[in-house]
PDB file of N, CA and C in Angstrom:
ATOM      1  N   UNK A   1       0.954  -1.190  -0.248  1.00  0.00           N
ATOM      2  CA  UNK A   1      -0.477  -0.316   0.044  1.00  0.00           C
ATOM      3  C   UNK A   1       0.715   1.307  -0.184  1.00  0.00           C
ATOM      4  N   UNK A   2       0.596   2.181  -1.059  1.00  0.00           N
ATOM      5  CA  UNK A   2       1.332   3.397  -0.485  1.00  0.00           C
ATOM      6  C   UNK A   2       1.772   4.336   0.784  1.00  0.00           C
ATOM      7  N   UNK A   3       0.589   3.825   1.462  1.00  0.00           N
ATOM      8  CA  UNK A   3       0.744   4.539   2.722  1.00  0.00           C
ATOM      9  C   UNK A   3       2.173   3.930   3.608  1.00  0.00           C
ATOM     10  N   UNK A   4       1.950   3.093   3.600  1.00  0.00           N
ATOM     11  CA  UNK A   4       3.140   1.827   4.163  1.00  0.00           C
ATOM     12  C   UNK A   4       4.644   2.238   3.641  1.00  0.00           C
ATOM     13  N   UNK A   5       4.636   2.622   2.107  1.00  0.00           N
ATOM     14  CA  UNK A   5       5.951   2.809   1.814  1.00  0.00           C
ATOM     15  C   UNK A   5       6.165   4.096   1.678  1.00  0.00           C
ATOM     16  N   UNK A   6       4.904   5.323   2.508  1.00  0.00           N
ATOM     17  CA  UNK A   6       5.568   6.834   2.285  1.00  0.00           C
ATOM     18  C   UNK A   6       6.136   7.137   3.773  1.00  0.00           C
ATOM     19  N   UNK A   7       5.317   5.713   5.090  1.00  0.00           N
ATOM     20  CA  UNK A   7       5.768   5.777   6.220  1.00  0.00           C
ATOM     21  C   UNK A   7       7.252   5.174   6.078  1.00  0.00           C
ATOM     22  N   UNK A   8       7.647   4.348   5.121  1.00  0.00           N
ATOM     23  CA  UNK A   8       9.136   3.671   5.612  1.00  0.00           C
ATOM     24  C   UNK A   8      10.458   4.780   4.772  1.00  0.00           C
ATOM     25  N   UNK A   9       9.500   5.697   3.691  1.00  0.00           N
ATOM     26  CA  UNK A   9      10.618   6.701   3.168  1.00  0.00           C
ATOM     27  C   UNK A   9      10.913   7.863   4.453  1.00  0.00           C
ATOM     28  N   UNK A  10       9.687   8.006   4.985  1.00  0.00           N
ATOM     29  CA  UNK A  10      10.247   9.278   5.958  1.00  0.00           C
ATOM     30  C   UNK A  10      10.889   8.437   7.447  1.00  0.00           C
ATOM     31  N   UNK A  11      10.958   6.970   7.574  1.00  0.00           N
ATOM     32  CA  UNK A  11      11.833   6.525   8.180  1.00  0.00           C
ATOM     33  C   UNK A  11      13.119   6.121   7.924  1.00  0.00           C
ATOM     34  N   UNK A  12      13.370   6.225   6.609  1.00  0.00           N
ATOM     35  CA  UNK A  12      14.343   5.983   5.802  1.00  0.00           C
ATOM     36  C   UNK A  12      15.731   7.264   6.465  1.00  0.00           C
ATOM     37  N   UNK A  13      16.800   6.533   6.512  1.00  0.00           N
ATOM     38  CA  UNK A  13      18.157   7.438   6.592  1.00  0.00           C
ATOM     39  C   UNK A  13      18.221   8.172   5.405  1.00  0.00           C
ATOM     40  N   UNK A  14      18.094   7.707   3.983  1.00  0.00           N
ATOM     41  CA  UNK A  14      18.281   8.675   3.239  1.00  0.00           C
ATOM     42  C   UNK A  14      17.422   9.783   2.893  1.00  0.00           C
ATOM     43  N   UNK A  15      15.979   9.694   3.233  1.00  0.00           N
ATOM     44  CA  UNK A  15      15.392  10.955   3.511  1.00  0.00           C
ATOM     45  C   UNK A  15      15.412  12.160   4.549  1.00  0.00           C
ATOM     46  N   UNK A  16      16.377  11.321   5.566  1.00  0.00           N
ATOM     47  CA  UNK A  16      16.887  12.498   6.550  1.00  0.00           C
ATOM     48  C   UNK A  16      17.608  13.352   5.846  1.00  0.00           C
ATOM     49  N   UNK A  17      18.890  12.702   5.448  1.00  0.00           N
ATOM     50  CA  UNK A  17      19.535  13.377   4.704  1.00  0.00           C
ATOM     51  C   UNK A  17      19.608  14.320   3.500  1.00  0.00           C
ATOM     52  N   UNK A  18      18.364  13.927   2.848  1.00  0.00           N
ATOM     53  CA  UNK A  18      17.900  14.634   1.705  1.00  0.00           C
ATOM     54  C   UNK A  18      17.107  15.800   2.621  1.00  0.00           C
ATOM     55  N   UNK A  19      16.760  16.065   3.027  1.00  0.00           N
ATOM     56  CA  UNK A  19      16.236  16.882   3.900  1.00  0.00           C
ATOM     57  C   UNK A  19      16.726  18.055   4.473  1.00  0.00           C
ATOM     58  N   UNK A  20      18.322  17.483   5.167  1.00  0.00           N
ATOM     59  CA  UNK A  20      19.245  17.770   6.103  1.00  0.00           C
ATOM     60  C   UNK A  20      19.962  19.200   4.830  1.00  0.00           C
ATOM     61  N   UNK A  21      20.596  18.064   3.311  1.00  0.00           N
ATOM     62  CA  UNK A  21      20.906  18.183   2.372  1.00  0.00           C
ATOM     63  C   UNK A  21      19.943  19.774   1.720  1.00  0.00           C
ATOM     64  N   UNK A  22      18.637  19.877   1.793  1.00  0.00           N
ATOM     65  CA  UNK A  22      18.061  21.117   1.355  1.00  0.00           C
ATOM     66  C   UNK A  22      18.060  22.070   2.308  1.00  0.00           C
ATOM     67  N   UNK A  23      17.908  21.953   3.531  1.00  0.00           N
ATOM     68  CA  UNK A  23      18.418  22.857   4.851  1.00  0.00           C
ATOM     69  C   UNK A  23      19.496  23.457   4.438  1.00  0.00           C
ATOM     70  N   UNK A  24      20.747  22.816   4.480  1.00  0.00           N
ATOM     71  CA  UNK A  24      21.917  22.982   4.310  1.00  0.00           C
ATOM     72  C   UNK A  24      22.522  23.921   2.855  1.00  0.00           C
ATOM     73  N   UNK A  25      21.703  23.645   1.963  1.00  0.00           N
ATOM     74  CA  UNK A  25      22.110  24.183   0.381  1.00  0.00           C
ATOM     75  C   UNK A  25      21.041  25.284   0.802  1.00  0.00           C
ATOM     76  N   UNK A  26      19.945  25.647   1.306  1.00  0.00           N
ATOM     77  CA  UNK A  26      19.320  27.102   1.354  1.00  0.00           C
ATOM     78  C   UNK A  26      19.884  27.825   2.438  1.00  0.00           C
ATOM     79  N   UNK A  27      20.743  27.219   3.523  1.00  0.00           N
ATOM     80  CA  UNK A  27      21.467  27.869   3.771  1.00  0.00           C
ATOM     81  C   UNK A  27      22.661  28.913   3.294  1.00  0.00           C
ATOM     82  N   UNK A  28      23.327  27.841   2.595  1.00  0.00           N
ATOM     83  CA  UNK A  28      24.827  28.369   2.007  1.00  0.00           C
ATOM     84  C   UNK A  28      24.422  29.137   0.582  1.00  0.00           C
ATOM     85  N   UNK A  29      23.559  28.978  -0.037  1.00  0.00           N
ATOM     86  CA  UNK A  29      23.306  29.875  -1.001  1.00  0.00           C
ATOM     87  C   UNK A  29      22.012  30.287  -1.234  1.00  0.00           C
ATOM     88  N   UNK A  30      21.194  30.344  -0.223  1.00  0.00           N
ATOM     89  CA  UNK A  30      20.146  31.463  -0.304  1.00  0.00           C
ATOM     90  C   UNK A  30      20.503  32.973   0.043  1.00  0.00           C
ATOM     91  N   UNK A  31      19.839  33.919  -0.615  1.00  0.00           N
ATOM     92  CA  UNK A  31      20.181  35.647  -1.034  1.00  0.00           C
ATOM     93  C   UNK A  31      19.656  36.183   0.732  1.00  0.00           C
ATOM     94  N   UNK A  32      20.790  35.766   1.728  1.00  0.00           N
ATOM     95  CA  UNK A  32      19.891  36.622   2.912  1.00  0.00           C
ATOM     96  C   UNK A  32      20.320  38.069   3.422  1.00  0.00           C
ATOM     97  N   UNK A  33      20.542  38.475   2.348  1.00  0.00           N
ATOM     98  CA  UNK A  33      20.791  40.307   2.648  1.00  0.00           C
ATOM     99  C   UNK A  33      19.788  41.163   3.011  1.00  0.00           C
ATOM    100  N   UNK A  34      20.044  41.815   3.649  1.00  0.00           N
ATOM    101  CA  UNK A  34      18.785  42.674   4.124  1.00  0.00           C
ATOM    102  C   UNK A  34      17.816  43.473   3.046  1.00  0.00           C
ATOM    103  N   UNK A  35      16.568  43.441   3.145  1.00  0.00           N
ATOM    104  CA  UNK A  35      16.331  44.298   1.807  1.00  0.00           C
ATOM    105  C   UNK A  35      16.388  45.801   1.706  1.00  0.00           C
ATOM    106  N   UNK A  36      16.655  46.295   1.018  1.00  0.00           N
ATOM    107  CA  UNK A  36      17.070  47.743   0.242  1.00  0.00           C
ATOM    108  C   UNK A  36      15.902  48.691   0.858  1.00  0.00           C
ATOM    109  N   UNK A  37      15.869  48.641   2.269  1.00  0.00           N
ATOM    110  CA  UNK A  37      15.142  50.083   3.180  1.00  0.00           C
ATOM    111  C   UNK A  37      16.484  50.855   3.241  1.00  0.00           C
ATOM    112  N   UNK A  38      16.092  52.338   3.385  1.00  0.00           N
ATOM    113  CA  UNK A  38      16.583  53.222   3.842  1.00  0.00           C
ATOM    114  C   UNK A  38      15.600  54.310   4.791  1.00  0.00           C
ATOM    115  N   UNK A  39      16.212  54.182   5.589  1.00  0.00           N
ATOM    116  CA  UNK A  39      15.248  55.008   6.955  1.00  0.00           C
ATOM    117  C   UNK A  39      15.851  56.302   6.893  1.00  0.00           C
ATOM    118  N   UNK A  40      15.192  57.321   6.537  1.00  0.00           N
ATOM    119  CA  UNK A  40      15.831  58.888   6.767  1.00  0.00           C
ATOM    120  C   UNK A  40      14.970  59.236   7.706  1.00  0.00           C
ATOM    121  N   UNK A  41      15.554  60.135   8.771  1.00  0.00           N
ATOM    122  CA  UNK A  41      15.027  61.154   9.392  1.00  0.00           C
ATOM    123  C   UNK A  41      14.933  62.809   9.099  1.00  0.00           C
ATOM    124  N   UNK A  42      13.825  63.005   8.768  1.00  0.00           N
ATOM    125  CA  UNK A  42      13.898  64.305   8.351  1.00  0.00           C
ATOM    126  C   UNK A  42      13.470  65.513   9.716  1.00  0.00           C
ATOM    127  N   UNK A  43      14.812  66.061   9.920  1.00  0.00           N
ATOM    128  CA  UNK A  43      14.459  67.359  10.493  1.00  0.00           C
ATOM    129  C   UNK A  43      14.388  68.295  10.408  1.00  0.00           C
ATOM    130  N   UNK A  44      13.073  69.506  10.535  1.00  0.00           N
ATOM    131  CA  UNK A  44      12.939  70.830  10.200  1.00  0.00           C
ATOM    132  C   UNK A  44      13.910  71.627  10.813  1.00  0.00           C
ATOM    133  N   UNK A  45      15.009  72.068  10.744  1.00  0.00           N
ATOM    134  CA  UNK A  45      15.967  72.970  11.377  1.00  0.00           C
ATOM    135  C   UNK A  45      15.673  74.893  11.373  1.00  0.00           C
ATOM    136  N   UNK A  46      14.551  75.276  10.924  1.00  0.00           N
ATOM    137  CA  UNK A  46      14.060  76.154  10.510  1.00  0.00           C
ATOM    138  C   UNK A  46      13.277  76.867  11.242  1.00  0.00           C
ATOM    139  N   UNK A  47      13.123  78.225  11.296  1.00  0.00           N
ATOM    140  CA  UNK A  47      11.936  78.475  12.482  1.00  0.00           C
ATOM    141  C   UNK A  47      10.771  78.836  11.254  1.00  0.00           C
ATOM    142  N   UNK A  48      10.647  78.026  10.702  1.00  0.00           N
ATOM    143  CA  UNK A  48       9.280  78.177  10.191  1.00  0.00           C
ATOM    144  C   UNK A  48       8.620  76.776   9.679  1.00  0.00           C
ATOM    145  N   UNK A  49       8.081  76.370   9.551  1.00  0.00           N
ATOM    146  CA  UNK A  49       7.031  75.379   9.248  1.00  0.00           C
ATOM    147  C   UNK A  49       7.382  74.482   7.392  1.00  0.00           C
ATOM    148  N   UNK A  50       7.760  73.212   7.555  1.00  0.00           N
ATOM    149  CA  UNK A  50       7.778  73.253   5.883  1.00  0.00           C
ATOM    150  C   UNK A  50       6.365  72.467   5.616  1.00  0.00           C
ATOM    151  N   UNK A  51       5.743  72.921   4.524  1.00  0.00           N
ATOM    152  CA  UNK A  51       4.469  72.613   4.558  1.00  0.00           C
ATOM    153  C   UNK A  51       4.524  71.324   3.864  1.00  0.00           C
ATOM    154  N   UNK A  52       5.812  70.844   2.970  1.00  0.00           N
ATOM    155  CA  UNK A  52       5.753  69.762   2.443  1.00  0.00           C
ATOM    156  C   UNK A  52       7.010  69.563   1.919  1.00  0.00           C
ATOM    157  N   UNK A  53       7.514  67.952   1.892  1.00  0.00           N
ATOM    158  CA  UNK A  53       8.785  67.222   1.643  1.00  0.00           C
ATOM    159  C   UNK A  53       8.489  66.110   0.742  1.00  0.00           C
ATOM    160  N   UNK A  54       8.782  65.918  -0.643  1.00  0.00           N
ATOM    161  CA  UNK A  54       8.662  65.088  -1.498  1.00  0.00           C
ATOM    162  C   UNK A  54       9.455  64.160  -1.865  1.00  0.00           C
ATOM    163  N   UNK A  55       9.645  63.060  -1.587  1.00  0.00           N
ATOM    164  CA  UNK A  55      10.867  62.454  -2.012  1.00  0.00           C
ATOM    165  C   UNK A  55      10.388  61.802  -3.438  1.00  0.00           C
ATOM    166  N   UNK A  56      11.444  61.394  -4.286  1.00  0.00           N
ATOM    167  CA  UNK A  56      11.490  60.689  -5.480  1.00  0.00           C
ATOM    168  C   UNK A  56      12.719  59.842  -5.534  1.00  0.00           C
ATOM    169  N   UNK A  57      12.134  58.910  -5.990  1.00  0.00           N
ATOM    170  CA  UNK A  57      13.469  57.684  -5.670  1.00  0.00           C
ATOM    171  C   UNK A  57      12.936  56.913  -6.477  1.00  0.00           C
ATOM    172  N   UNK A  58      14.118  55.532  -7.383  1.00  0.00           N
ATOM    173  CA  UNK A  58      13.891  54.361  -7.812  1.00  0.00           C
ATOM    174  C   UNK A  58      15.116  54.262  -8.788  1.00  0.00           C
ATOM    175  N   UNK A  59      15.272  53.278  -9.137  1.00  0.00           N
ATOM    176  CA  UNK A  59      15.904  52.182  -9.903  1.00  0.00           C
ATOM    177  C   UNK A  59      15.592  51.252 -10.569  1.00  0.00           C
ATOM    178  N   UNK A  60      16.183  50.955 -11.342  1.00  0.00           N
ATOM    179  CA  UNK A  60      15.723  49.701 -12.887  1.00  0.00           C
ATOM    180  C   UNK A  60      14.210  50.593 -13.190  1.00  0.00           C
ATOM    181  N   UNK A  61      13.395  49.191 -12.815  1.00  0.00           N
ATOM    182  CA  UNK A  61      12.555  49.792 -13.626  1.00  0.00           C
ATOM    183  C   UNK A  61      10.770  50.345 -13.042  1.00  0.00           C
ATOM    184  N   UNK A  62      11.687  50.797 -11.351  1.00  0.00           N
ATOM    185  CA  UNK A  62      10.483  51.339 -10.483  1.00  0.00           C
ATOM    186  C   UNK A  62      10.637  52.629 -10.582  1.00  0.00           C
ATOM    187  N   UNK A  63       9.989  53.603  -9.907  1.00  0.00           N
ATOM    188  CA  UNK A  63       9.825  54.691  -9.544  1.00  0.00           C
ATOM    189  C   UNK A  63       9.050  54.754  -8.540  1.00  0.00           C
ATOM    190  N   UNK A  64       9.294  55.589  -7.118  1.00  0.00           N
ATOM    191  CA  UNK A  64       8.091  55.957  -6.261  1.00  0.00           C
ATOM    192  C   UNK A  64       8.463  57.391  -5.954  1.00  0.00           C
ATOM    193  N   UNK A  65       7.189  57.726  -5.018  1.00  0.00           N
ATOM    194  CA  UNK A  65       7.797  59.052  -4.576  1.00  0.00           C
ATOM    195  C   UNK A  65       6.504  59.170  -2.945  1.00  0.00           C
ATOM    196  N   UNK A  66       7.182  59.813  -2.068  1.00  0.00           N
ATOM    197  CA  UNK A  66       6.902  59.620  -0.740  1.00  0.00           C
ATOM    198  C   UNK A  66       5.981  61.201  -0.567  1.00  0.00           C
ATOM    199  N   UNK A  67       5.237  61.786   0.120  1.00  0.00           N
ATOM    200  CA  UNK A  67       5.036  63.224   0.479  1.00  0.00           C
ATOM    201  C   UNK A  67       4.869  63.136   2.030  1.00  0.00           C
ATOM    202  N   UNK A  68       5.759  64.044   2.631  1.00  0.00           N
ATOM    203  CA  UNK A  68       5.098  64.452   4.198  1.00  0.00           C
ATOM    204  C   UNK A  68       4.597  65.695   4.272  1.00  0.00           C
ATOM    205  N   UNK A  69       3.588  65.866   5.257  1.00  0.00           N
ATOM    206  CA  UNK A  69       2.994  67.239   5.335  1.00  0.00           C
ATOM    207  C   UNK A  69       3.455  67.724   6.639  1.00  0.00           C
ATOM    208  N   UNK A  70       3.730  69.465   6.649  1.00  0.00           N
ATOM    209  CA  UNK A  70       3.653  70.238   7.891  1.00  0.00           C
ATOM    210  C   UNK A  70       4.588  69.749   8.686  1.00  0.00           C
ATOM    211  N   UNK A  71       5.530  69.743   8.550  1.00  0.00           N
ATOM    212  CA  UNK A  71       6.228  69.579   9.639  1.00  0.00           C
ATOM    213  C   UNK A  71       6.862  70.428  10.269  1.00  0.00           C
ATOM    214  N   UNK A  72       6.111  70.243  11.918  1.00  0.00           N
ATOM    215  CA  UNK A  72       7.043  72.024  12.477  1.00  0.00           C
ATOM    216  C   UNK A  72       8.019  72.454  13.131  1.00  0.00           C
ATOM    217  N   UNK A  73       8.800  73.711  12.952  1.00  0.00           N
ATOM    218  CA  UNK A  73      10.242  73.839  13.408  1.00  0.00           C
ATOM    219  C   UNK A  73      10.335  73.205  14.738  1.00  0.00           C
ATOM    220  N   UNK A  74      11.518  72.299  14.581  1.00  0.00           N
ATOM    221  CA  UNK A  74      12.328  71.421  14.862  1.00  0.00           C
ATOM    222  C   UNK A  74      11.830  70.461  15.229  1.00  0.00           C
ATOM    223  N   UNK A  75      10.504  69.729  14.614  1.00  0.00           N
ATOM    224  CA  UNK A  75      10.350  68.532  14.213  1.00  0.00           C
ATOM    225  C   UNK A  75      10.789  67.674  13.871  1.00  0.00           C
ATOM    226  N   UNK A  76      10.928  66.012  14.200  1.00  0.00           N
ATOM    227  CA  UNK A  76      11.784  65.235  13.063  1.00  0.00           C
ATOM    228  C   UNK A  76      10.166  63.911  12.743  1.00  0.00           C
ATOM    229  N   UNK A  77      10.827  63.998  11.424  1.00  0.00           N
ATOM    230  CA  UNK A  77      10.096  62.133  11.299  1.00  0.00           C
ATOM    231  C   UNK A  77      10.955  61.548  10.625  1.00  0.00           C
ATOM    232  N   UNK A  78      10.491  60.146  10.872  1.00  0.00           N
ATOM    233  CA  UNK A  78      11.089  59.031   9.994  1.00  0.00           C
ATOM    234  C   UNK A  78      10.459  58.551   9.066  1.00  0.00           C
ATOM    235  N   UNK A  79      11.204  58.261   7.783  1.00  0.00           N
ATOM    236  CA  UNK A  79      10.499  58.111   6.385  1.00  0.00           C
ATOM    237  C   UNK A  79      11.114  56.431   6.143  1.00  0.00           C
ATOM    238  N   UNK A  80      10.701  55.762   5.693  1.00  0.00           N
ATOM    239  CA  UNK A  80      11.116  54.379   5.472  1.00  0.00           C
ATOM    240  C   UNK A  80      11.066  54.408   3.364  1.00  0.00           C
ATOM    241  N   UNK A  81      12.457  54.740   2.617  1.00  0.00           N
ATOM    242  CA  UNK A  81      12.001  54.653   1.165  1.00  0.00           C
ATOM    243  C   UNK A  81      12.839  52.937   1.074  1.00  0.00           C
ATOM    244  N   UNK A  82      11.932  52.712   0.005  1.00  0.00           N
ATOM    245  CA  UNK A  82      12.393  51.459  -0.324  1.00  0.00           C
ATOM    246  C   UNK A  82      13.370  51.721  -1.782  1.00  0.00           C
ATOM    247  N   UNK A  83      14.701  51.839  -1.024  1.00  0.00           N
ATOM    248  CA  UNK A  83      15.738  52.103  -2.278  1.00  0.00           C
ATOM    249  C   UNK A  83      17.263  51.713  -1.861  1.00  0.00           C
ATOM    250  N   UNK A  84      17.795  51.156  -2.764  1.00  0.00           N
ATOM    251  CA  UNK A  84      18.833  50.730  -2.230  1.00  0.00           C
ATOM    252  C   UNK A  84      20.010  52.072  -2.174  1.00  0.00           C
ATOM    253  N   UNK A  85      20.997  51.244  -0.859  1.00  0.00           N
ATOM    254  CA  UNK A  85      22.460  52.275  -0.347  1.00  0.00           C
ATOM    255  C   UNK A  85      23.062  52.670  -1.964  1.00  0.00           C
ATOM    256  N   UNK A  86      23.518  53.818  -2.031  1.00  0.00           N
ATOM    257  CA  UNK A  86      24.555  54.045  -2.521  1.00  0.00           C
ATOM    258  C   UNK A  86      24.009  54.852  -3.646  1.00  0.00           C
ATOM    259  N   UNK A  87      22.771  55.143  -3.965  1.00  0.00           N
ATOM    260  CA  UNK A  87      22.001  55.776  -4.921  1.00  0.00           C
ATOM    261  C   UNK A  87      20.973  56.914  -4.424  1.00  0.00           C
ATOM    262  N   UNK A  88      21.026  57.946  -4.561  1.00  0.00           N
ATOM    263  CA  UNK A  88      20.590  59.173  -4.588  1.00  0.00           C
ATOM    264  C   UNK A  88      19.251  59.394  -4.586  1.00  0.00           C
ATOM    265  N   UNK A  89      18.278  60.223  -3.963  1.00  0.00           N
ATOM    266  CA  UNK A  89      16.911  60.348  -4.161  1.00  0.00           C
ATOM    267  C   UNK A  89      16.796  61.358  -4.053  1.00  0.00           C
ATOM    268  N   UNK A  90      15.781  62.265  -4.765  1.00  0.00           N
ATOM    269  CA  UNK A  90      15.342  63.829  -5.244  1.00  0.00           C
ATOM    270  C   UNK A  90      14.414  64.086  -3.538  1.00  0.00           C
ATOM    271  N   UNK A  91      14.745  65.443  -3.620  1.00  0.00           N
ATOM    272  CA  UNK A  91      14.104  66.119  -2.508  1.00  0.00           C
ATOM    273  C   UNK A  91      13.676  67.057  -2.787  1.00  0.00           C
ATOM    274  N   UNK A  92      12.323  67.193  -2.512  1.00  0.00           N
ATOM    275  CA  UNK A  92      11.589  69.110  -2.402  1.00  0.00           C
ATOM    276  C   UNK A  92      11.096  69.285  -1.548  1.00  0.00           C
ATOM    277  N   UNK A  93      11.137  70.187  -0.774  1.00  0.00           N
ATOM    278  CA  UNK A  93      10.745  70.685   0.408  1.00  0.00           C
ATOM    279  C   UNK A  93      10.149  72.011   0.255  1.00  0.00           C
ATOM    280  N   UNK A  94       9.167  72.303   0.829  1.00  0.00           N
ATOM    281  CA  UNK A  94       8.364  73.838   0.809  1.00  0.00           C
ATOM    282  C   UNK A  94       8.245  74.363   2.109  1.00  0.00           C
ATOM    283  N   UNK A  95       8.676  75.589   2.010  1.00  0.00           N
ATOM    284  CA  UNK A  95       8.432  76.445   3.156  1.00  0.00           C
ATOM    285  C   UNK A  95       7.562  76.988   3.556  1.00  0.00           C
ATOM    286  N   UNK A  96       6.877  77.333   4.190  1.00  0.00           N
ATOM    287  CA  UNK A  96       5.835  78.451   4.595  1.00  0.00           C
ATOM    288  C   UNK A  96       6.414  79.899   3.944  1.00  0.00           C
ATOM    289  N   UNK A  97       5.658  79.905   3.120  1.00  0.00           N
ATOM    290  CA  UNK A  97       5.997  81.506   2.579  1.00  0.00           C
ATOM    291  C   UNK A  97       6.119  81.202   1.138  1.00  0.00           C
ATOM    292  N   UNK A  98       6.100  79.965   0.883  1.00  0.00           N
ATOM    293  CA  UNK A  98       6.424  79.207  -0.633  1.00  0.00           C
ATOM    294  C   UNK A  98       7.836  79.363  -1.299  1.00  0.00           C
ATOM    295  N   UNK A  99       8.809  79.431  -0.633  1.00  0.00           N
ATOM    296  CA  UNK A  99      10.156  78.918  -0.599  1.00  0.00           C
ATOM    297  C   UNK A  99      10.110  77.535  -0.834  1.00  0.00           C
ATOM    298  N   UNK A 100      11.231  76.986  -1.686  1.00  0.00           N
ATOM    299  CA  UNK A 100      11.367  76.181  -2.272  1.00  0.00           C
ATOM    300  C   UNK A 100      12.881  75.630  -2.313  1.00  0.00           C
ATOM    301  N   UNK A 101      13.393  74.656  -2.317  1.00  0.00           N
ATOM    302  CA  UNK A 101      14.536  73.838  -2.301  1.00  0.00           C
ATOM    303  C   UNK A 101      14.307  72.489  -2.903  1.00  0.00           C
ATOM    304  N   UNK A 102      15.233  72.165  -3.896  1.00  0.00           N
ATOM    305  CA  UNK A 102      15.237  70.743  -4.514  1.00  0.00           C
ATOM    306  C   UNK A 102      16.665  70.500  -4.974  1.00  0.00           C
ATOM    307  N   UNK A 103      16.899  69.236  -4.334  1.00  0.00           N
ATOM    308  CA  UNK A 103      18.128  68.918  -4.484  1.00  0.00           C
ATOM    309  C   UNK A 103      17.779  67.109  -4.348  1.00  0.00           C
ATOM    310  N   UNK A 104      19.316  66.560  -4.963  1.00  0.00           N
ATOM    311  CA  UNK A 104      19.659  65.312  -4.548  1.00  0.00           C
ATOM    312  C   UNK A 104      20.323  64.916  -3.427  1.00  0.00           C
ATOM    313  N   UNK A 105      19.996  64.192  -2.802  1.00  0.00           N
ATOM    314  CA  UNK A 105      20.267  63.644  -1.176  1.00  0.00           C
ATOM    315  C   UNK A 105      21.289  62.623  -1.361  1.00  0.00           C
ATOM    316  N   UNK A 106      22.242  62.515  -0.158  1.00  0.00           N
ATOM    317  CA  UNK A 106      22.666  61.305   0.101  1.00  0.00           C
ATOM    318  C   UNK A 106      23.407  59.986  -0.793  1.00  0.00           C
ATOM    319  N   UNK A 107      24.207  60.883  -1.847  1.00  0.00           N
ATOM    320  CA  UNK A 107      24.353  60.099  -3.164  1.00  0.00           C
ATOM    321  C   UNK A 107      25.313  58.807  -3.029  1.00  0.00           C
ATOM    322  N   UNK A 108      26.165  58.980  -2.059  1.00  0.00           N
ATOM    323  CA  UNK A 108      27.332  58.406  -1.304  1.00  0.00           C
ATOM    324  C   UNK A 108      27.066  57.747  -0.051  1.00  0.00           C
ATOM    325  N   UNK A 109      26.254  58.218   1.117  1.00  0.00           N
ATOM    326  CA  UNK A 109      26.106  57.994   2.458  1.00  0.00           C
ATOM    327  C   UNK A 109      26.151  56.252   2.546  1.00  0.00           C
ATOM    328  N   UNK A 110      27.221  56.177   3.198  1.00  0.00           N
ATOM    329  CA  UNK A 110      27.374  54.332   3.280  1.00  0.00           C
ATOM    330  C   UNK A 110      25.906  53.640   4.297  1.00  0.00           C
ATOM    331  N   UNK A 111      25.154  54.358   5.604  1.00  0.00           N
ATOM    332  CA  UNK A 111      24.472  53.542   6.314  1.00  0.00           C
ATOM    333  C   UNK A 111      22.964  53.635   5.748  1.00  0.00           C
ATOM    334  N   UNK A 112      22.343  52.507   6.491  1.00  0.00           N
ATOM    335  CA  UNK A 112      20.751  52.621   5.886  1.00  0.00           C
ATOM    336  C   UNK A 112      19.941  53.631   6.968  1.00  0.00           C
ATOM    337  N   UNK A 113      20.448  54.136   8.317  1.00  0.00           N
ATOM    338  CA  UNK A 113      19.682  55.154   8.857  1.00  0.00           C
ATOM    339  C   UNK A 113      20.368  56.436   8.166  1.00  0.00           C
ATOM    340  N   UNK A 114      19.780  57.496   7.799  1.00  0.00           N
ATOM    341  CA  UNK A 114      20.303  58.751   7.490  1.00  0.00           C
ATOM    342  C   UNK A 114      19.536  59.953   8.148  1.00  0.00           C
ATOM    343  N   UNK A 115      20.433  60.946   8.245  1.00  0.00           N
ATOM    344  CA  UNK A 115      19.765  62.235   8.635  1.00  0.00           C
ATOM    345  C   UNK A 115      19.263  63.324   7.481  1.00  0.00           C
ATOM    346  N   UNK A 116      18.726  63.984   7.538  1.00  0.00           N
ATOM    347  CA  UNK A 116      18.119  65.104   6.599  1.00  0.00           C
ATOM    348  C   UNK A 116      17.646  65.740   7.098  1.00  0.00           C
ATOM    349  N   UNK A 117      18.750  66.911   7.419  1.00  0.00           N
ATOM    350  CA  UNK A 117      18.060  68.485   8.094  1.00  0.00           C
ATOM    351  C   UNK A 117      17.871  69.538   7.149  1.00  0.00           C
ATOM    352  N   UNK A 118      16.530  69.919   7.185  1.00  0.00           N
ATOM    353  CA  UNK A 118      16.145  71.161   6.418  1.00  0.00           C
ATOM    354  C   UNK A 118      15.794  72.472   6.989  1.00  0.00           C
ATOM    355  N   UNK A 119      16.512  73.126   6.071  1.00  0.00           N
ATOM    356  CA  UNK A 119      16.726  74.868   6.449  1.00  0.00           C
ATOM    357  C   UNK A 119      16.371  75.354   5.229  1.00  0.00           C
ATOM    358  N   UNK A 120      16.102  76.690   5.540  1.00  0.00           N
ATOM    359  CA  UNK A 120      15.785  77.730   3.827  1.00  0.00           C
ATOM    360  C   UNK A 120      17.220  78.291   3.630  1.00  0.00           C
TER     361      UNK A 120
END
């Protein structure tokens, strides 16, 4: 009967080695790298409110943007970008009064936790 053969196969030493080999192969050859997530701490160091901060980023065939709204003077916010290290991202900061700053940030910064101080 097929059930008896299945139980015998599970008890077999070959089956044990096969399962151990699969597990060892996964440990050795699987990609265990961290995901490409950057954590950016946005800090408004100016004395006026940031009306908005827009992040535009992407590589390959993907393009994304994130919009933060109304960051008070002295306030900090954490934003997570699905973006690899050593690739810059565009920032557009709009201050109260209409002043705008646009730039490419942290192109060669080596850490996943990044700080971004914004002022006029």
